[in-house]
Amino acid sequence: MKMLIFSVMGLFLLLPTPARAQQVQVQIKECEACHGPGGVSSDDDIPSLAGMDAGGIVSAMEEFHYYERHCTTTTYRHGDRPKTPLNMCNVANTLSDRERRELAEYFAAQ
């Protein structure tokens, strides 16, 4: 019985909380500021993320995180964001492994 209770409690810990879901939405909007609404880029130099393999997206973000990919400086392209310079290495370094996975799964499903 104790094992069942601990198992159920563990599952609840894995479920996204409203605050976590809101944080993911903020991060999605950050990605969309360059990669386009829904991850569909209209710019030749920014790849579309929509429909890409989630594992491939995670791998790319990890490569940026470890500076294994070239980090070209660009600016936000969409929305009301200021044209602030940024690069994917800096972006990837602000994300946890869990956040990278969540974002990759979201854009893979688009």
C-alpha atoms as a PDB file:
ATOM      1  CA  MET A   1       0.000   0.000   0.000  1.00  0.00           C
ATOM      2  CA  LYS A   2       2.810   2.396   0.887  1.00  0.00           C
ATOM      3  CA  MET A   3       4.447   1.697  -2.458  1.00  0.00           C
ATOM      4  CA  LEU A   4       1.223   2.575  -4.276  1.00  0.00           C
ATOM      5  CA  ILE A   5       0.887   5.835  -2.353  1.00  0.00           C
ATOM      6  CA  PHE A   6       4.497   6.828  -3.117  1.00  0.00           C
ATOM      7  CA  SER A   7       4.032   5.924  -6.778  1.00  0.00           C
ATOM      8  CA  VAL A   8       0.933   8.091  -7.078  1.00  0.00           C
ATOM      9  CA  MET A   9       2.654  10.959  -5.256  1.00  0.00           C
ATOM     10  CA  GLY A  10       5.603  10.663  -7.641  1.00  0.00           C
ATOM     11  CA  LEU A  11       3.299  10.930 -10.642  1.00  0.00           C
ATOM     12  CA  PHE A  12       1.799  14.140  -9.278  1.00  0.00           C
ATOM     13  CA  LEU A  13       5.277  15.617  -8.984  1.00  0.00           C
ATOM     14  CA  LEU A  14       5.820  15.001 -12.707  1.00  0.00           C
ATOM     15  CA  LEU A  15       2.625  16.766 -13.745  1.00  0.00           C
ATOM     16  CA  PRO A  16       3.064  20.369 -14.829  1.00  0.00           C
ATOM     17  CA  THR A  17       1.791  22.924 -12.367  1.00  0.00           C
ATOM     18  CA  PRO A  18      -0.053  26.003 -13.606  1.00  0.00           C
ATOM     19  CA  ALA A  19       3.049  28.079 -12.839  1.00  0.00           C
ATOM     20  CA  ARG A  20       5.259  25.626 -14.775  1.00  0.00           C
ATOM     21  CA  ALA A  21       2.873  25.638 -17.723  1.00  0.00           C
ATOM     22  CA  GLN A  22       2.929  29.438 -17.720  1.00  0.00           C
ATOM     23  CA  GLN A  23       6.755  29.442 -17.673  1.00  0.00           C
ATOM     24  CA  VAL A  24       6.839  27.085 -20.670  1.00  0.00           C
ATOM     25  CA  GLN A  25       4.501  29.438 -22.548  1.00  0.00           C
ATOM     26  CA  VAL A  26       6.865  32.341 -21.845  1.00  0.00           C
ATOM     27  CA  GLN A  27       9.778  30.296 -23.197  1.00  0.00           C
ATOM     28  CA  ILE A  28       7.779  29.282 -26.283  1.00  0.00           C
ATOM     29  CA  LYS A  29       7.125  32.975 -27.013  1.00  0.00           C
ATOM     30  CA  GLU A  30      10.861  33.651 -26.673  1.00  0.00           C
ATOM     31  CA  CYS A  31      11.602  30.961 -29.268  1.00  0.00           C
ATOM     32  CA  GLU A  32       8.856  32.236 -31.553  1.00  0.00           C
ATOM     33  CA  ALA A  33      10.339  35.747 -31.444  1.00  0.00           C
ATOM     34  CA  CYS A  34      13.033  34.458 -33.828  1.00  0.00           C
ATOM     35  CA  HIS A  35      11.755  31.116 -35.155  1.00  0.00           C
ATOM     36  CA  GLY A  36       8.296  32.475 -36.001  1.00  0.00           C
ATOM     37  CA  PRO A  37       4.784  31.794 -34.746  1.00  0.00           C
ATOM     38  CA  GLY A  38       4.369  28.099 -34.023  1.00  0.00           C
ATOM     39  CA  GLY A  39       8.044  27.636 -34.883  1.00  0.00           C
ATOM     40  CA  VAL A  40       7.499  28.362 -38.594  1.00  0.00           C
ATOM     41  CA  SER A  41      10.257  30.723 -39.685  1.00  0.00           C
ATOM     42  CA  SER A  42       9.791  33.165 -42.536  1.00  0.00           C
ATOM     43  CA  ASP A  43      13.507  33.996 -42.604  1.00  0.00           C
ATOM     44  CA  ASP A  44      16.071  32.043 -44.632  1.00  0.00           C
ATOM     45  CA  ASP A  45      18.736  32.339 -41.932  1.00  0.00           C
ATOM     46  CA  ILE A  46      16.513  31.116 -39.058  1.00  0.00           C
ATOM     47  CA  PRO A  47      15.366  27.475 -39.219  1.00  0.00           C
ATOM     48  CA  SER A  48      11.779  26.430 -38.677  1.00  0.00           C
ATOM     49  CA  LEU A  49      11.350  24.263 -35.592  1.00  0.00           C
ATOM     50  CA  ALA A  50       7.783  23.134 -36.301  1.00  0.00           C
ATOM     51  CA  GLY A  51       7.587  19.432 -37.009  1.00  0.00           C
ATOM     52  CA  MET A  52      11.286  18.764 -36.446  1.00  0.00           C
ATOM     53  CA  ASP A  53      12.247  15.657 -34.503  1.00  0.00           C
ATOM     54  CA  ALA A  54      12.251  16.480 -30.767  1.00  0.00           C
ATOM     55  CA  GLY A  55      15.516  14.598 -30.274  1.00  0.00           C
ATOM     56  CA  GLY A  56      17.128  16.637 -33.037  1.00  0.00           C
ATOM     57  CA  ILE A  57      15.989  19.885 -31.450  1.00  0.00           C
ATOM     58  CA  VAL A  58      17.362  18.827 -28.059  1.00  0.00           C
ATOM     59  CA  SER A  59      20.657  17.784 -29.659  1.00  0.00           C
ATOM     60  CA  ALA A  60      20.972  21.119 -31.437  1.00  0.00           C
ATOM     61  CA  MET A  61      20.278  23.032 -28.213  1.00  0.00           C
ATOM     62  CA  GLU A  62      22.874  20.927 -26.391  1.00  0.00           C
ATOM     63  CA  GLU A  63      25.412  21.684 -29.122  1.00  0.00           C
ATOM     64  CA  PHE A  64      24.709  25.395 -28.695  1.00  0.00           C
ATOM     65  CA  HIS A  65      24.929  24.976 -24.908  1.00  0.00           C
ATOM     66  CA  TYR A  66      28.416  23.458 -25.184  1.00  0.00           C
ATOM     67  CA  TYR A  67      29.510  25.891 -27.943  1.00  0.00           C
ATOM     68  CA  GLU A  68      29.846  23.046 -30.425  1.00  0.00           C
ATOM     69  CA  ARG A  69      27.835  25.029 -32.997  1.00  0.00           C
ATOM     70  CA  HIS A  70      28.586  28.457 -34.378  1.00  0.00           C
ATOM     71  CA  CYS A  71      26.594  31.095 -32.507  1.00  0.00           C
ATOM     72  CA  THR A  72      25.751  33.828 -34.966  1.00  0.00           C
ATOM     73  CA  THR A  73      24.427  36.983 -33.328  1.00  0.00           C
ATOM     74  CA  THR A  74      20.990  37.968 -34.575  1.00  0.00           C
ATOM     75  CA  THR A  75      17.977  39.931 -33.320  1.00  0.00           C
ATOM     76  CA  TYR A  76      14.387  39.089 -32.470  1.00  0.00           C
ATOM     77  CA  ARG A  77      12.398  38.883 -35.700  1.00  0.00           C
ATOM     78  CA  HIS A  78       8.736  38.648 -34.679  1.00  0.00           C
ATOM     79  CA  GLY A  79       6.306  40.210 -32.274  1.00  0.00           C
ATOM     80  CA  ASP A  80       6.746  43.384 -30.314  1.00  0.00           C
ATOM     81  CA  ARG A  81      10.189  42.436 -29.033  1.00  0.00           C
ATOM     82  CA  PRO A  82      12.935  45.039 -29.286  1.00  0.00           C
ATOM     83  CA  LYS A  83      15.568  44.217 -31.870  1.00  0.00           C
ATOM     84  CA  THR A  84      17.907  43.084 -29.093  1.00  0.00           C
ATOM     85  CA  PRO A  85      21.032  41.164 -30.201  1.00  0.00           C
ATOM     86  CA  LEU A  86      21.172  37.537 -29.056  1.00  0.00           C
ATOM     87  CA  ASN A  87      22.595  34.184 -30.079  1.00  0.00           C
ATOM     88  CA  MET A  88      21.564  30.580 -29.558  1.00  0.00           C
ATOM     89  CA  CYS A  89      24.546  29.753 -27.325  1.00  0.00           C
ATOM     90  CA  ASN A  90      23.387  32.344 -24.807  1.00  0.00           C
ATOM     91  CA  VAL A  91      19.771  31.220 -25.162  1.00  0.00           C
ATOM     92  CA  ALA A  92      20.633  27.527 -24.719  1.00  0.00           C
ATOM     93  CA  ASN A  93      22.650  28.313 -21.613  1.00  0.00           C
ATOM     94  CA  THR A  94      19.605  29.795 -19.895  1.00  0.00           C
ATOM     95  CA  LEU A  95      17.603  26.537 -20.275  1.00  0.00           C
ATOM     96  CA  SER A  96      17.639  23.464 -18.084  1.00  0.00           C
ATOM     97  CA  ASP A  97      17.621  19.972 -19.605  1.00  0.00           C
ATOM     98  CA  ARG A  98      13.924  19.722 -18.742  1.00  0.00           C
ATOM     99  CA  GLU A  99      13.140  23.040 -20.438  1.00  0.00           C
ATOM    100  CA  ARG A 100      15.037  22.015 -23.574  1.00  0.00           C
ATOM    101  CA  ARG A 101      13.043  18.772 -23.702  1.00  0.00           C
ATOM    102  CA  GLU A 102       9.703  20.534 -23.114  1.00  0.00           C
ATOM    103  CA  LEU A 103      10.379  23.095 -25.823  1.00  0.00           C
ATOM    104  CA  ALA A 104      11.563  20.433 -28.251  1.00  0.00           C
ATOM    105  CA  GLU A 105       8.433  18.357 -27.663  1.00  0.00           C
ATOM    106  CA  TYR A 106       6.215  21.400 -28.156  1.00  0.00           C
ATOM    107  CA  PHE A 107       7.788  22.418 -31.470  1.00  0.00           C
ATOM    108  CA  ALA A 108       7.986  18.815 -32.722  1.00  0.00           C
ATOM    109  CA  ALA A 109       4.205  18.593 -32.266  1.00  0.00           C
ATOM    110  CA  GLN A 110       3.502  21.718 -34.329  1.00  0.00           C
END
